[in-house]
């Protein structure tokens, strides 16, 4: 492995374009791209100035000039594609969610650990500057004891039954595409919930359109979330503590502004994250930092937490009666 870590992009869809754009903008070395078709790989490589284009995922992971693979295929293929890359000796960043369920997540994490490789989920929000600042504020005790998270992730997304977002066979629905954001945020703040309450409404395709959750944690904390693919809401979040609160502006999971207020509503601090691009490069920087340190798990998004989050999503699915084909 060279001192400069070299990225390979597995699949060429919309999220791969967004991530690669940020990598290139911020000077990361994108060495290769792999697609199921050579023309798609060639077009992607030409768009971003990538040296090597492979006409299969197998050829990409076998490329000796690639150190890290970014898996950006639809959800049901994450575990399979991650295993392909790991078994080829590559570190792997997997677009969220890391897998379809807790069992798959455990298999991926255990495989990576056994091979001495890093696997991380592309929960890019956790690495953004305003989220870093939020963790600093909480650690400093500014909010006192943190008791509550309130967050929504609500979008007015395509209604076309054939669209991936509405296709259960591709893991479509509000839970895996949208709720993963606030549920991961809650996990970051409070850990694994002790009790879970969930309710949902569904589209004609069987995909979940709205999912509401209430989590209670061993320390008595509460997190409430609403995620929806059929209506757009404020997309804000609030963290409540005994001595104050943090209000996170629209859109809370993207680079934005936070406001820290005391318990008597006095403004203590405002912090704005000025970010070039979308901000997806921060997760890439964390991958490279962890690998450079010779570690196989990020302190900011540990591998065991990835499994716990997927197991929490499994518990939500059990309550709302959501099943994917083949389960």
C-alpha atoms as a PDB file:
ATOM      1  CA  UNK A   1       0.000   0.000   0.000  1.00  0.00           C
ATOM      2  CA  UNK A   2       1.295   3.450  -0.851  1.00  0.00           C
ATOM      3  CA  UNK A   3       1.305   6.354   1.623  1.00  0.00           C
ATOM      4  CA  UNK A   4      -1.570   7.875  -0.329  1.00  0.00           C
ATOM      5  CA  UNK A   5      -4.629   5.683  -0.067  1.00  0.00           C
ATOM      6  CA  UNK A   6      -6.323   4.993  -3.377  1.00  0.00           C
ATOM      7  CA  UNK A   7     -10.087   4.736  -3.758  1.00  0.00           C
ATOM      8  CA  UNK A   8     -12.123   2.457  -5.963  1.00  0.00           C
ATOM      9  CA  UNK A   9     -15.796   3.239  -6.624  1.00  0.00           C
ATOM     10  CA  UNK A  10     -18.048   0.193  -6.895  1.00  0.00           C
ATOM     11  CA  UNK A  11     -21.143   1.068  -8.997  1.00  0.00           C
ATOM     12  CA  UNK A  12     -21.923   4.289 -10.824  1.00  0.00           C
ATOM     13  CA  UNK A  13     -25.321   5.492  -9.595  1.00  0.00           C
ATOM     14  CA  UNK A  14     -26.374   8.843  -8.193  1.00  0.00           C
ATOM     15  CA  UNK A  15     -24.841   8.459  -4.735  1.00  0.00           C
ATOM     16  CA  UNK A  16     -21.543   7.345  -6.301  1.00  0.00           C
ATOM     17  CA  UNK A  17     -21.527  10.559  -8.333  1.00  0.00           C
ATOM     18  CA  UNK A  18     -22.159  12.675  -5.220  1.00  0.00           C
ATOM     19  CA  UNK A  19     -19.450  10.971  -3.173  1.00  0.00           C
ATOM     20  CA  UNK A  20     -16.853  10.908  -5.946  1.00  0.00           C
ATOM     21  CA  UNK A  21     -17.486  14.570  -6.714  1.00  0.00           C
ATOM     22  CA  UNK A  22     -16.589  15.437  -3.113  1.00  0.00           C
ATOM     23  CA  UNK A  23     -13.529  13.177  -3.175  1.00  0.00           C
ATOM     24  CA  UNK A  24     -12.189  14.841  -6.305  1.00  0.00           C
ATOM     25  CA  UNK A  25     -13.039  18.334  -5.049  1.00  0.00           C
ATOM     26  CA  UNK A  26     -11.030  17.765  -1.878  1.00  0.00           C
ATOM     27  CA  UNK A  27      -8.014  16.081  -3.432  1.00  0.00           C
ATOM     28  CA  UNK A  28      -8.521  12.425  -2.570  1.00  0.00           C
ATOM     29  CA  UNK A  29      -6.990   9.926  -4.977  1.00  0.00           C
ATOM     30  CA  UNK A  30      -9.743   8.142  -6.882  1.00  0.00           C
ATOM     31  CA  UNK A  31      -7.881   5.434  -8.740  1.00  0.00           C
ATOM     32  CA  UNK A  32     -10.548   3.230 -10.296  1.00  0.00           C
ATOM     33  CA  UNK A  33     -14.230   2.660 -10.854  1.00  0.00           C
ATOM     34  CA  UNK A  34     -16.081  -0.571 -11.468  1.00  0.00           C
ATOM     35  CA  UNK A  35     -19.473  -1.148 -13.061  1.00  0.00           C
ATOM     36  CA  UNK A  36     -21.395  -4.116 -14.377  1.00  0.00           C
ATOM     37  CA  UNK A  37     -20.916  -2.610 -17.844  1.00  0.00           C
ATOM     38  CA  UNK A  38     -17.739  -1.244 -19.361  1.00  0.00           C
ATOM     39  CA  UNK A  39     -19.454   1.732 -21.042  1.00  0.00           C
ATOM     40  CA  UNK A  40     -20.873   2.878 -17.699  1.00  0.00           C
ATOM     41  CA  UNK A  41     -17.473   2.573 -16.047  1.00  0.00           C
ATOM     42  CA  UNK A  42     -15.811   4.414 -18.925  1.00  0.00           C
ATOM     43  CA  UNK A  43     -18.306   7.295 -18.763  1.00  0.00           C
ATOM     44  CA  UNK A  44     -17.912   7.626 -14.996  1.00  0.00           C
ATOM     45  CA  UNK A  45     -14.115   7.564 -15.265  1.00  0.00           C
ATOM     46  CA  UNK A  46     -14.170  10.217 -17.981  1.00  0.00           C
ATOM     47  CA  UNK A  47     -16.455  12.464 -15.927  1.00  0.00           C
ATOM     48  CA  UNK A  48     -14.166  12.470 -12.893  1.00  0.00           C
ATOM     49  CA  UNK A  49     -10.750  11.922 -14.480  1.00  0.00           C
ATOM     50  CA  UNK A  50     -10.336   8.468 -12.945  1.00  0.00           C
ATOM     51  CA  UNK A  51      -7.348   6.544 -14.359  1.00  0.00           C
ATOM     52  CA  UNK A  52      -8.880   3.040 -14.526  1.00  0.00           C
ATOM     53  CA  UNK A  53     -12.356   1.832 -15.506  1.00  0.00           C
ATOM     54  CA  UNK A  54     -13.341  -1.793 -14.897  1.00  0.00           C
ATOM     55  CA  UNK A  55     -16.276  -3.556 -16.545  1.00  0.00           C
ATOM     56  CA  UNK A  56     -17.004  -5.714 -13.485  1.00  0.00           C
ATOM     57  CA  UNK A  57     -16.940  -5.473  -9.715  1.00  0.00           C
ATOM     58  CA  UNK A  58     -14.616  -8.476  -9.593  1.00  0.00           C
ATOM     59  CA  UNK A  59     -12.025  -6.670 -11.722  1.00  0.00           C
ATOM     60  CA  UNK A  60     -12.289  -3.566  -9.536  1.00  0.00           C
ATOM     61  CA  UNK A  61     -11.643  -5.343  -6.231  1.00  0.00           C
ATOM     62  CA  UNK A  62      -8.759  -7.280  -7.811  1.00  0.00           C
ATOM     63  CA  UNK A  63      -7.046  -4.061  -8.908  1.00  0.00           C
ATOM     64  CA  UNK A  64      -3.690  -3.916  -7.049  1.00  0.00           C
ATOM     65  CA  UNK A  65      -3.680  -0.122  -7.286  1.00  0.00           C
ATOM     66  CA  UNK A  66      -6.817   0.203  -5.140  1.00  0.00           C
ATOM     67  CA  UNK A  67      -6.754   0.259  -1.316  1.00  0.00           C
ATOM     68  CA  UNK A  68     -10.319   1.215  -0.347  1.00  0.00           C
ATOM     69  CA  UNK A  69     -13.587   0.258  -2.031  1.00  0.00           C
ATOM     70  CA  UNK A  70     -16.681   2.431  -1.741  1.00  0.00           C
ATOM     71  CA  UNK A  71     -19.784   0.242  -2.159  1.00  0.00           C
ATOM     72  CA  UNK A  72     -22.679   2.249  -3.591  1.00  0.00           C
ATOM     73  CA  UNK A  73     -25.026  -0.428  -4.953  1.00  0.00           C
ATOM     74  CA  UNK A  74     -28.668  -0.721  -3.766  1.00  0.00           C
ATOM     75  CA  UNK A  75     -29.169  -1.915  -0.191  1.00  0.00           C
ATOM     76  CA  UNK A  76     -29.757  -5.661  -0.860  1.00  0.00           C
ATOM     77  CA  UNK A  77     -26.330  -5.946  -2.498  1.00  0.00           C
ATOM     78  CA  UNK A  78     -24.282  -4.205   0.191  1.00  0.00           C
ATOM     79  CA  UNK A  79     -23.336  -7.344   2.114  1.00  0.00           C
ATOM     80  CA  UNK A  80     -22.423  -9.309  -1.008  1.00  0.00           C
ATOM     81  CA  UNK A  81     -20.382  -6.488  -2.534  1.00  0.00           C
ATOM     82  CA  UNK A  82     -18.649  -5.700   0.749  1.00  0.00           C
ATOM     83  CA  UNK A  83     -17.665  -9.352   1.176  1.00  0.00           C
ATOM     84  CA  UNK A  84     -16.301  -9.370  -2.382  1.00  0.00           C
ATOM     85  CA  UNK A  85     -14.063  -6.397  -1.608  1.00  0.00           C
ATOM     86  CA  UNK A  86     -12.996  -7.593   1.831  1.00  0.00           C
ATOM     87  CA  UNK A  87     -12.041 -11.023   0.541  1.00  0.00           C
ATOM     88  CA  UNK A  88      -9.890  -9.255  -2.037  1.00  0.00           C
ATOM     89  CA  UNK A  89      -8.002  -7.538   0.782  1.00  0.00           C
ATOM     90  CA  UNK A  90      -9.598  -4.094   0.459  1.00  0.00           C
ATOM     91  CA  UNK A  91     -10.875  -1.804   3.190  1.00  0.00           C
ATOM     92  CA  UNK A  92     -14.541  -0.971   2.592  1.00  0.00           C
ATOM     93  CA  UNK A  93     -16.807   2.043   3.022  1.00  0.00           C
ATOM     94  CA  UNK A  94     -20.406   0.911   2.513  1.00  0.00           C
ATOM     95  CA  UNK A  95     -23.146   3.345   1.630  1.00  0.00           C
ATOM     96  CA  UNK A  96     -25.807   3.381   4.342  1.00  0.00           C
ATOM     97  CA  UNK A  97     -27.400   1.274   5.504  1.00  0.00           C
ATOM     98  CA  UNK A  98     -24.464  -1.087   5.928  1.00  0.00           C
ATOM     99  CA  UNK A  99     -26.769  -4.033   5.192  1.00  0.00           C
ATOM    100  CA  UNK A 100     -30.399  -5.109   5.067  1.00  0.00           C
ATOM    101  CA  UNK A 101     -30.509  -6.409   8.632  1.00  0.00           C
ATOM    102  CA  UNK A 102     -28.494  -7.107  11.753  1.00  0.00           C
ATOM    103  CA  UNK A 103     -27.458 -10.582  10.663  1.00  0.00           C
ATOM    104  CA  UNK A 104     -25.847  -9.292   7.483  1.00  0.00           C
ATOM    105  CA  UNK A 105     -24.218  -6.433   9.382  1.00  0.00           C
ATOM    106  CA  UNK A 106     -22.704  -8.895  11.859  1.00  0.00           C
ATOM    107  CA  UNK A 107     -21.352 -11.053   9.045  1.00  0.00           C
ATOM    108  CA  UNK A 108     -19.696  -8.068   7.361  1.00  0.00           C
ATOM    109  CA  UNK A 109     -18.178  -6.736  10.584  1.00  0.00           C
ATOM    110  CA  UNK A 110     -16.878 -10.148  11.613  1.00  0.00           C
ATOM    111  CA  UNK A 111     -15.401 -10.809   8.174  1.00  0.00           C
ATOM    112  CA  UNK A 112     -13.551  -7.492   8.198  1.00  0.00           C
ATOM    113  CA  UNK A 113     -12.261  -8.059  11.719  1.00  0.00           C
ATOM    114  CA  UNK A 114     -11.030 -11.533  10.837  1.00  0.00           C
ATOM    115  CA  UNK A 115      -9.134 -10.138   7.873  1.00  0.00           C
ATOM    116  CA  UNK A 116      -7.706  -7.186   9.790  1.00  0.00           C
ATOM    117  CA  UNK A 117      -9.503  -4.698   7.531  1.00  0.00           C
ATOM    118  CA  UNK A 118     -11.610  -1.627   8.193  1.00  0.00           C
ATOM    119  CA  UNK A 119     -15.276  -1.608   7.286  1.00  0.00           C
ATOM    120  CA  UNK A 120     -17.358   1.508   7.903  1.00  0.00           C
ATOM    121  CA  UNK A 121     -20.834   2.691   6.973  1.00  0.00           C
ATOM    122  CA  UNK A 122     -21.168   5.837   4.885  1.00  0.00           C
ATOM    123  CA  UNK A 123     -23.156   7.707   7.531  1.00  0.00           C
ATOM    124  CA  UNK A 124     -21.536  10.923   6.338  1.00  0.00           C
ATOM    125  CA  UNK A 125     -23.605  13.147   8.631  1.00  0.00           C
ATOM    126  CA  UNK A 126     -21.757  11.952  11.719  1.00  0.00           C
ATOM    127  CA  UNK A 127     -18.481  13.426  10.458  1.00  0.00           C
ATOM    128  CA  UNK A 128     -19.739  16.879   9.464  1.00  0.00           C
ATOM    129  CA  UNK A 129     -18.290  19.910  11.299  1.00  0.00           C
ATOM    130  CA  UNK A 130     -21.523  20.844  13.058  1.00  0.00           C
ATOM    131  CA  UNK A 131     -21.880  17.294  14.372  1.00  0.00           C
ATOM    132  CA  UNK A 132     -18.308  17.412  15.639  1.00  0.00           C
ATOM    133  CA  UNK A 133     -19.153  20.682  17.410  1.00  0.00           C
ATOM    134  CA  UNK A 134     -22.308  19.170  18.913  1.00  0.00           C
ATOM    135  CA  UNK A 135     -20.291  16.338  20.460  1.00  0.00           C
ATOM    136  CA  UNK A 136     -17.821  18.876  21.856  1.00  0.00           C
ATOM    137  CA  UNK A 137     -20.616  20.945  23.417  1.00  0.00           C
ATOM    138  CA  UNK A 138     -22.210  17.904  25.034  1.00  0.00           C
ATOM    139  CA  UNK A 139     -18.851  16.629  26.310  1.00  0.00           C
ATOM    140  CA  UNK A 140     -18.146  20.040  27.860  1.00  0.00           C
ATOM    141  CA  UNK A 141     -21.346  19.761  29.913  1.00  0.00           C
ATOM    142  CA  UNK A 142     -22.927  22.874  28.422  1.00  0.00           C
ATOM    143  CA  UNK A 143     -26.338  21.196  28.192  1.00  0.00           C
ATOM    144  CA  UNK A 144     -26.129  19.497  31.568  1.00  0.00           C
ATOM    145  CA  UNK A 145     -27.620  16.019  31.436  1.00  0.00           C
ATOM    146  CA  UNK A 146     -28.839  15.320  27.895  1.00  0.00           C
ATOM    147  CA  UNK A 147     -32.315  13.823  28.055  1.00  0.00           C
ATOM    148  CA  UNK A 148     -33.997  14.066  24.657  1.00  0.00           C
ATOM    149  CA  UNK A 149     -33.579  14.023  20.890  1.00  0.00           C
ATOM    150  CA  UNK A 150     -36.348  15.121  18.529  1.00  0.00           C
ATOM    151  CA  UNK A 151     -35.628  14.755  14.798  1.00  0.00           C
ATOM    152  CA  UNK A 152     -37.402  14.323  11.499  1.00  0.00           C
ATOM    153  CA  UNK A 153     -36.234  13.223   8.060  1.00  0.00           C
ATOM    154  CA  UNK A 154     -39.150  13.844   5.763  1.00  0.00           C
ATOM    155  CA  UNK A 155     -38.979  14.083   1.984  1.00  0.00           C
ATOM    156  CA  UNK A 156     -41.469  14.282  -0.865  1.00  0.00           C
ATOM    157  CA  UNK A 157     -39.894  11.577  -3.032  1.00  0.00           C
ATOM    158  CA  UNK A 158     -41.091   9.998  -6.310  1.00  0.00           C
ATOM    159  CA  UNK A 159     -44.350   8.062  -6.129  1.00  0.00           C
ATOM    160  CA  UNK A 160     -43.581   5.885  -9.165  1.00  0.00           C
ATOM    161  CA  UNK A 161     -44.100   2.247  -8.062  1.00  0.00           C
ATOM    162  CA  UNK A 162     -41.146   1.211 -10.222  1.00  0.00           C
ATOM    163  CA  UNK A 163     -38.780   3.658  -8.515  1.00  0.00           C
ATOM    164  CA  UNK A 164     -36.124   2.048  -6.300  1.00  0.00           C
ATOM    165  CA  UNK A 165     -37.391   4.002  -3.295  1.00  0.00           C
ATOM    166  CA  UNK A 166     -40.770   2.245  -3.552  1.00  0.00           C
ATOM    167  CA  UNK A 167     -39.472  -1.208  -4.453  1.00  0.00           C
ATOM    168  CA  UNK A 168     -39.278  -3.639  -1.521  1.00  0.00           C
ATOM    169  CA  UNK A 169     -37.040  -5.944  -3.556  1.00  0.00           C
ATOM    170  CA  UNK A 170     -34.429  -3.150  -3.526  1.00  0.00           C
ATOM    171  CA  UNK A 171     -34.940  -2.277   0.132  1.00  0.00           C
ATOM    172  CA  UNK A 172     -36.995   0.791  -0.727  1.00  0.00           C
ATOM    173  CA  UNK A 173     -38.998   2.701   1.845  1.00  0.00           C
ATOM    174  CA  UNK A 174     -38.648   5.383   4.485  1.00  0.00           C
ATOM    175  CA  UNK A 175     -36.911   3.194   7.075  1.00  0.00           C
ATOM    176  CA  UNK A 176     -33.690   2.210   5.338  1.00  0.00           C
ATOM    177  CA  UNK A 177     -33.388   5.287   3.138  1.00  0.00           C
ATOM    178  CA  UNK A 178     -34.425   8.051   5.545  1.00  0.00           C
ATOM    179  CA  UNK A 179     -34.931   6.847   9.127  1.00  0.00           C
ATOM    180  CA  UNK A 180     -31.384   5.512   9.216  1.00  0.00           C
ATOM    181  CA  UNK A 181     -30.246   9.142   9.656  1.00  0.00           C
ATOM    182  CA  UNK A 182     -32.121  10.106  12.848  1.00  0.00           C
ATOM    183  CA  UNK A 183     -31.832   6.589  14.280  1.00  0.00           C
ATOM    184  CA  UNK A 184     -28.063   6.687  13.834  1.00  0.00           C
ATOM    185  CA  UNK A 185     -28.028  10.140  15.429  1.00  0.00           C
ATOM    186  CA  UNK A 186     -29.956   8.788  18.418  1.00  0.00           C
ATOM    187  CA  UNK A 187     -27.500   5.911  18.681  1.00  0.00           C
ATOM    188  CA  UNK A 188     -24.592   8.357  18.667  1.00  0.00           C
ATOM    189  CA  UNK A 189     -26.139  10.290  21.552  1.00  0.00           C
ATOM    190  CA  UNK A 190     -27.606   7.545  23.704  1.00  0.00           C
ATOM    191  CA  UNK A 191     -26.461   4.115  22.491  1.00  0.00           C
ATOM    192  CA  UNK A 192     -28.778   1.125  22.070  1.00  0.00           C
ATOM    193  CA  UNK A 193     -32.411   1.713  23.100  1.00  0.00           C
ATOM    194  CA  UNK A 194     -33.904  -0.273  25.953  1.00  0.00           C
ATOM    195  CA  UNK A 195     -37.487  -0.025  24.701  1.00  0.00           C
ATOM    196  CA  UNK A 196     -38.776   0.641  21.182  1.00  0.00           C
ATOM    197  CA  UNK A 197     -42.181   1.836  20.010  1.00  0.00           C
ATOM    198  CA  UNK A 198     -42.801   2.221  16.292  1.00  0.00           C
ATOM    199  CA  UNK A 199     -45.694   2.878  13.936  1.00  0.00           C
ATOM    200  CA  UNK A 200     -45.859   3.178  10.156  1.00  0.00           C
ATOM    201  CA  UNK A 201     -48.031   3.751   7.115  1.00  0.00           C
ATOM    202  CA  UNK A 202     -47.418   2.050   3.786  1.00  0.00           C
ATOM    203  CA  UNK A 203     -47.617   2.642   0.056  1.00  0.00           C
ATOM    204  CA  UNK A 204     -49.449   0.357  -2.363  1.00  0.00           C
ATOM    205  CA  UNK A 205     -46.136  -1.325  -3.211  1.00  0.00           C
ATOM    206  CA  UNK A 206     -45.758  -2.424   0.404  1.00  0.00           C
ATOM    207  CA  UNK A 207     -42.901  -0.002   1.022  1.00  0.00           C
ATOM    208  CA  UNK A 208     -43.144   2.038   4.197  1.00  0.00           C
ATOM    209  CA  UNK A 209     -44.139   5.659   3.556  1.00  0.00           C
ATOM    210  CA  UNK A 210     -43.938   6.984   7.125  1.00  0.00           C
ATOM    211  CA  UNK A 211     -42.199   5.598  10.197  1.00  0.00           C
ATOM    212  CA  UNK A 212     -42.473   7.143  13.663  1.00  0.00           C
ATOM    213  CA  UNK A 213     -40.389   5.899  16.573  1.00  0.00           C
ATOM    214  CA  UNK A 214     -40.064   6.489  20.305  1.00  0.00           C
ATOM    215  CA  UNK A 215     -36.964   5.037  21.935  1.00  0.00           C
ATOM    216  CA  UNK A 216     -36.205   4.921  25.659  1.00  0.00           C
ATOM    217  CA  UNK A 217     -32.671   4.296  26.871  1.00  0.00           C
ATOM    218  CA  UNK A 218     -31.252   2.730  30.056  1.00  0.00           C
ATOM    219  CA  UNK A 219     -30.445   6.166  31.485  1.00  0.00           C
ATOM    220  CA  UNK A 220     -34.023   7.352  30.972  1.00  0.00           C
ATOM    221  CA  UNK A 221     -33.341   9.363  27.818  1.00  0.00           C
ATOM    222  CA  UNK A 222     -35.978   9.565  25.081  1.00  0.00           C
ATOM    223  CA  UNK A 223     -35.536   9.921  21.311  1.00  0.00           C
ATOM    224  CA  UNK A 224     -38.476  10.588  19.012  1.00  0.00           C
ATOM    225  CA  UNK A 225     -38.171  10.496  15.235  1.00  0.00           C
ATOM    226  CA  UNK A 226     -40.410  10.805  12.194  1.00  0.00           C
ATOM    227  CA  UNK A 227     -39.271   9.743   8.744  1.00  0.00           C
ATOM    228  CA  UNK A 228     -41.394   9.931   5.613  1.00  0.00           C
ATOM    229  CA  UNK A 229     -40.950   9.597   1.874  1.00  0.00           C
ATOM    230  CA  UNK A 230     -44.340  11.064   0.907  1.00  0.00           C
ATOM    231  CA  UNK A 231     -44.297  14.466   2.584  1.00  0.00           C
ATOM    232  CA  UNK A 232     -41.676  17.096   3.281  1.00  0.00           C
ATOM    233  CA  UNK A 233     -41.328  18.539   6.758  1.00  0.00           C
ATOM    234  CA  UNK A 234     -38.887  20.860   8.533  1.00  0.00           C
ATOM    235  CA  UNK A 235     -35.961  18.405   8.621  1.00  0.00           C
ATOM    236  CA  UNK A 236     -34.688  19.901  11.852  1.00  0.00           C
ATOM    237  CA  UNK A 237     -33.495  18.376  15.108  1.00  0.00           C
ATOM    238  CA  UNK A 238     -33.324  19.415  18.742  1.00  0.00           C
ATOM    239  CA  UNK A 239     -31.264  18.031  21.615  1.00  0.00           C
ATOM    240  CA  UNK A 240     -32.607  18.831  25.087  1.00  0.00           C
ATOM    241  CA  UNK A 241     -30.588  18.875  28.293  1.00  0.00           C
ATOM    242  CA  UNK A 242     -31.197  19.959  31.879  1.00  0.00           C
ATOM    243  CA  UNK A 243     -29.216  23.190  31.349  1.00  0.00           C
ATOM    244  CA  UNK A 244     -29.999  23.997  27.731  1.00  0.00           C
ATOM    245  CA  UNK A 245     -30.633  22.761  24.228  1.00  0.00           C
ATOM    246  CA  UNK A 246     -29.168  22.612  20.739  1.00  0.00           C
ATOM    247  CA  UNK A 247     -31.406  23.478  17.795  1.00  0.00           C
ATOM    248  CA  UNK A 248     -30.104  22.182  14.461  1.00  0.00           C
ATOM    249  CA  UNK A 249     -31.390  24.119  11.480  1.00  0.00           C
ATOM    250  CA  UNK A 250     -32.766  22.772   8.210  1.00  0.00           C
ATOM    251  CA  UNK A 251     -31.342  20.462   6.894  1.00  0.00           C
ATOM    252  CA  UNK A 252     -29.974  19.005  10.117  1.00  0.00           C
ATOM    253  CA  UNK A 253     -28.168  16.044   8.515  1.00  0.00           C
ATOM    254  CA  UNK A 254     -26.337  18.257   5.956  1.00  0.00           C
ATOM    255  CA  UNK A 255     -23.871  21.092   6.600  1.00  0.00           C
ATOM    256  CA  UNK A 256     -25.951  23.668   8.469  1.00  0.00           C
ATOM    257  CA  UNK A 257     -26.137  25.954  11.504  1.00  0.00           C
ATOM    258  CA  UNK A 258     -26.650  24.998  15.134  1.00  0.00           C
ATOM    259  CA  UNK A 259     -27.868  27.252  17.952  1.00  0.00           C
ATOM    260  CA  UNK A 260     -27.047  26.545  21.587  1.00  0.00           C
ATOM    261  CA  UNK A 261     -29.509  28.050  24.063  1.00  0.00           C
ATOM    262  CA  UNK A 262     -29.550  28.060  27.835  1.00  0.00           C
ATOM    263  CA  UNK A 263     -32.470  26.711  29.837  1.00  0.00           C
ATOM    264  CA  UNK A 264     -33.916  30.252  29.946  1.00  0.00           C
ATOM    265  CA  UNK A 265     -33.686  30.480  26.135  1.00  0.00           C
ATOM    266  CA  UNK A 266     -30.669  32.798  25.982  1.00  0.00           C
ATOM    267  CA  UNK A 267     -28.463  32.280  22.922  1.00  0.00           C
ATOM    268  CA  UNK A 268     -25.111  30.880  24.048  1.00  0.00           C
ATOM    269  CA  UNK A 269     -23.554  30.055  20.682  1.00  0.00           C
ATOM    270  CA  UNK A 270     -24.299  29.736  16.984  1.00  0.00           C
ATOM    271  CA  UNK A 271     -22.051  27.638  14.812  1.00  0.00           C
ATOM    272  CA  UNK A 272     -22.254  27.414  11.032  1.00  0.00           C
ATOM    273  CA  UNK A 273     -20.585  24.693   9.033  1.00  0.00           C
ATOM    274  CA  UNK A 274     -19.141  26.203   5.871  1.00  0.00           C
ATOM    275  CA  UNK A 275     -18.397  23.231   3.646  1.00  0.00           C
ATOM    276  CA  UNK A 276     -17.255  23.055   0.029  1.00  0.00           C
ATOM    277  CA  UNK A 277     -19.334  20.458  -1.797  1.00  0.00           C
ATOM    278  CA  UNK A 278     -21.827  18.236  -0.059  1.00  0.00           C
ATOM    279  CA  UNK A 279     -19.546  17.258   2.815  1.00  0.00           C
ATOM    280  CA  UNK A 280     -19.246  13.560   2.030  1.00  0.00           C
ATOM    281  CA  UNK A 281     -15.449  13.740   2.023  1.00  0.00           C
ATOM    282  CA  UNK A 282     -15.266  13.909   5.825  1.00  0.00           C
ATOM    283  CA  UNK A 283     -16.163  10.215   6.072  1.00  0.00           C
ATOM    284  CA  UNK A 284     -13.406   9.438   3.565  1.00  0.00           C
ATOM    285  CA  UNK A 285     -10.935  11.387   5.704  1.00  0.00           C
ATOM    286  CA  UNK A 286     -12.001   9.334   8.730  1.00  0.00           C
ATOM    287  CA  UNK A 287     -11.488   6.108   6.786  1.00  0.00           C
ATOM    288  CA  UNK A 288      -7.985   7.173   5.835  1.00  0.00           C
ATOM    289  CA  UNK A 289      -7.194   8.361   9.379  1.00  0.00           C
ATOM    290  CA  UNK A 290      -8.276   5.050  10.935  1.00  0.00           C
ATOM    291  CA  UNK A 291      -6.395   2.983   8.363  1.00  0.00           C
ATOM    292  CA  UNK A 292      -3.311   5.153   8.810  1.00  0.00           C
ATOM    293  CA  UNK A 293      -3.472   4.548  12.554  1.00  0.00           C
ATOM    294  CA  UNK A 294      -3.497   0.798  11.964  1.00  0.00           C
ATOM    295  CA  UNK A 295      -6.969   0.390  13.475  1.00  0.00           C
ATOM    296  CA  UNK A 296      -9.966  -1.578  12.207  1.00  0.00           C
ATOM    297  CA  UNK A 297     -12.754   0.465  13.807  1.00  0.00           C
ATOM    298  CA  UNK A 298     -13.561   4.167  13.957  1.00  0.00           C
ATOM    299  CA  UNK A 299     -14.040   5.748  17.383  1.00  0.00           C
ATOM    300  CA  UNK A 300     -16.675   8.039  15.861  1.00  0.00           C
ATOM    301  CA  UNK A 301     -18.667   5.215  14.221  1.00  0.00           C
ATOM    302  CA  UNK A 302     -17.514   1.914  15.749  1.00  0.00           C
ATOM    303  CA  UNK A 303     -18.189  -1.328  13.934  1.00  0.00           C
ATOM    304  CA  UNK A 304     -20.127  -2.781  16.880  1.00  0.00           C
ATOM    305  CA  UNK A 305     -22.434   0.231  16.800  1.00  0.00           C
ATOM    306  CA  UNK A 306     -23.153  -0.477  13.131  1.00  0.00           C
ATOM    307  CA  UNK A 307     -24.474  -3.892  14.116  1.00  0.00           C
ATOM    308  CA  UNK A 308     -26.492  -2.442  17.008  1.00  0.00           C
ATOM    309  CA  UNK A 309     -28.130   0.137  14.725  1.00  0.00           C
ATOM    310  CA  UNK A 310     -29.173  -2.523  12.221  1.00  0.00           C
ATOM    311  CA  UNK A 311     -30.550  -4.671  15.037  1.00  0.00           C
ATOM    312  CA  UNK A 312     -32.568  -1.663  16.198  1.00  0.00           C
ATOM    313  CA  UNK A 313     -33.924  -1.270  12.661  1.00  0.00           C
ATOM    314  CA  UNK A 314     -34.833  -4.969  12.747  1.00  0.00           C
ATOM    315  CA  UNK A 315     -36.808  -4.386  15.940  1.00  0.00           C
ATOM    316  CA  UNK A 316     -38.626  -1.444  14.332  1.00  0.00           C
ATOM    317  CA  UNK A 317     -39.482  -3.612  11.320  1.00  0.00           C
ATOM    318  CA  UNK A 318     -40.859  -6.306  13.599  1.00  0.00           C
ATOM    319  CA  UNK A 319     -43.201  -3.786  15.200  1.00  0.00           C
ATOM    320  CA  UNK A 320     -44.467  -2.270  11.954  1.00  0.00           C
ATOM    321  CA  UNK A 321     -44.701  -5.591  10.109  1.00  0.00           C
ATOM    322  CA  UNK A 322     -42.211  -4.726   7.363  1.00  0.00           C
ATOM    323  CA  UNK A 323     -40.688  -7.662   5.479  1.00  0.00           C
ATOM    324  CA  UNK A 324     -38.432  -7.697   2.450  1.00  0.00           C
ATOM    325  CA  UNK A 325     -38.607 -10.386  -0.275  1.00  0.00           C
ATOM    326  CA  UNK A 326     -36.770 -13.546   0.690  1.00  0.00           C
ATOM    327  CA  UNK A 327     -37.133 -13.005   4.436  1.00  0.00           C
END
